[in-house]
């Protein structure tokens, strides 16, 4: 087993509990970590024997484009997409951050982190 990480992904998206947030949008950050078998790809140097980073990025980007009220919901959708579309992934961890959330004071970012493990078959 090994880990693939995509860190510091940034998106402009329209998530937020308040209607105004969904109209004006905001900047979001995503850190994604997956556990999968990397030994075959390490030995062969063949892309088809690993999880393609571009596919991971595309899945995250697609879910970030769909508005949601809660960061938890966005993160959950990404977890579900990755485990549904990439059967070799054993575990996914995602952190989704909203920059400068409207809290009435200074806060650089609000962040949620979720983890999903694939059920043993």
Protein backbone atom coordinates (compact mmCIF):
# COMPACT_ATOMS: atom_id res chain seq x y z
CA UNK A 1 0.00 0.00 0.00
CA UNK A 2 1.00 3.58 -0.51
CA UNK A 3 -0.39 7.09 -0.47
CA UNK A 4 -1.08 9.61 -3.22
CA UNK A 5 -1.63 13.19 -2.08
CA UNK A 6 -2.93 16.23 -3.92
CA UNK A 7 -2.31 19.17 -1.61
CA UNK A 8 -3.15 22.83 -1.93
CA UNK A 9 -5.80 22.54 -4.64
CA UNK A 10 -7.63 25.86 -5.03
CA UNK A 11 -11.04 26.57 -6.50
CA UNK A 12 -13.45 29.48 -6.75
CA UNK A 13 -16.87 28.04 -5.96
CA UNK A 14 -20.36 28.92 -4.77
CA UNK A 15 -20.82 27.00 -1.51
CA UNK A 16 -22.24 28.43 1.67
CA UNK A 17 -25.06 28.29 4.13
CA UNK A 18 -26.25 31.80 3.26
CA UNK A 19 -27.84 32.55 -0.10
CA UNK A 20 -25.47 35.48 -0.58
CA UNK A 21 -22.46 33.16 -0.33
CA UNK A 22 -23.90 31.03 -3.10
CA UNK A 23 -24.32 34.13 -5.29
CA UNK A 24 -20.96 35.86 -4.84
CA UNK A 25 -18.75 32.78 -4.34
CA UNK A 26 -15.51 32.37 -2.45
CA UNK A 27 -12.09 30.75 -2.64
CA UNK A 28 -11.76 27.16 -1.37
CA UNK A 29 -8.86 24.83 -0.74
CA UNK A 30 -8.75 21.05 -0.91
CA UNK A 31 -6.17 18.55 0.35
CA UNK A 32 -6.75 14.98 -0.81
CA UNK A 33 -5.02 11.78 0.35
CA UNK A 34 -5.73 8.30 -0.95
CA UNK A 35 -4.38 4.90 0.05
CA UNK A 36 -3.94 2.35 -2.72
CA UNK A 37 -1.51 -0.30 -3.92
CA UNK A 38 1.44 1.46 -5.57
CA UNK A 39 3.83 -1.49 -5.84
CA UNK A 40 2.90 -2.60 -9.37
CA UNK A 41 3.23 0.95 -10.71
CA UNK A 42 6.52 1.35 -8.87
CA UNK A 43 7.90 -1.76 -10.54
CA UNK A 44 6.48 -1.23 -14.03
CA UNK A 45 6.47 2.58 -14.47
CA UNK A 46 3.02 2.23 -16.14
CA UNK A 47 0.27 4.78 -15.48
CA UNK A 48 -2.54 2.23 -15.83
CA UNK A 49 -1.25 0.43 -12.71
CA UNK A 50 -1.82 3.38 -10.41
CA UNK A 51 -4.42 6.08 -9.76
CA UNK A 52 -4.02 8.90 -12.26
CA UNK A 53 -3.61 12.28 -10.51
CA UNK A 54 -5.51 13.98 -13.33
CA UNK A 55 -8.53 11.75 -12.71
CA UNK A 56 -8.45 12.59 -8.99
CA UNK A 57 -8.24 16.31 -9.75
CA UNK A 58 -11.12 16.10 -12.25
CA UNK A 59 -13.38 14.35 -9.72
CA UNK A 60 -12.64 16.98 -7.07
CA UNK A 61 -13.12 19.86 -9.55
CA UNK A 62 -16.47 18.49 -10.73
CA UNK A 63 -17.80 18.25 -7.18
CA UNK A 64 -16.47 21.71 -6.32
CA UNK A 65 -18.49 23.16 -9.22
CA UNK A 66 -21.79 21.88 -7.76
CA UNK A 67 -23.01 24.33 -5.08
CA UNK A 68 -23.65 23.05 -1.55
CA UNK A 69 -24.66 24.64 1.73
CA UNK A 70 -22.06 22.82 3.85
CA UNK A 71 -18.38 21.97 3.40
CA UNK A 72 -19.19 18.61 4.96
CA UNK A 73 -21.52 17.86 2.06
CA UNK A 74 -18.93 18.80 -0.57
CA UNK A 75 -16.32 16.60 1.13
CA UNK A 76 -18.76 13.70 1.39
CA UNK A 77 -19.62 13.92 -2.32
CA UNK A 78 -15.92 13.75 -3.24
CA UNK A 79 -15.40 10.70 -1.03
CA UNK A 80 -18.36 8.95 -2.62
CA UNK A 81 -17.22 9.75 -6.18
CA UNK A 82 -13.68 8.52 -5.61
CA UNK A 83 -14.72 5.26 -3.97
CA UNK A 84 -17.40 4.65 -6.62
CA UNK A 85 -15.21 5.37 -9.64
CA UNK A 86 -11.79 4.14 -8.49
CA UNK A 87 -12.13 0.60 -7.10
CA UNK A 88 -8.42 0.30 -6.25
CA UNK A 89 -8.64 3.08 -3.66
CA UNK A 90 -8.80 1.62 -0.15
CA UNK A 91 -9.04 4.83 1.90
CA UNK A 92 -9.73 8.50 1.12
CA UNK A 93 -9.10 11.50 3.36
CA UNK A 94 -10.18 14.98 2.28
CA UNK A 95 -9.98 18.40 3.86
CA UNK A 96 -12.06 21.21 2.37
CA UNK A 97 -11.35 24.78 3.47
CA UNK A 98 -13.27 28.00 2.94
CA UNK A 99 -11.03 31.07 2.92
CA UNK A 100 -12.18 34.12 4.91
CA UNK A 101 -15.51 32.65 6.05
CA UNK A 102 -18.19 35.18 7.08
CA UNK A 103 -17.93 34.81 10.85
CA UNK A 104 -18.00 38.46 11.89
CA UNK A 105 -14.30 38.46 12.74
CA UNK A 106 -10.89 37.49 11.43
CA UNK A 107 -10.57 33.87 10.37
CA UNK A 108 -8.21 32.80 7.59
CA UNK A 109 -10.15 29.64 6.83
CA UNK A 110 -12.71 27.18 8.11
CA UNK A 111 -11.92 23.53 7.37
CA UNK A 112 -13.62 20.16 7.58
CA UNK A 113 -11.89 16.80 7.23
CA UNK A 114 -13.59 13.50 6.39
CA UNK A 115 -12.23 9.97 5.97
CA UNK A 116 -13.78 7.01 4.20
CA UNK A 117 -12.46 3.45 4.13
CA UNK A 118 -13.64 0.95 1.58
CA UNK A 119 -15.57 -1.94 3.08
CA UNK A 120 -13.66 -5.22 2.95
CA UNK A 121 -15.03 -7.50 0.27
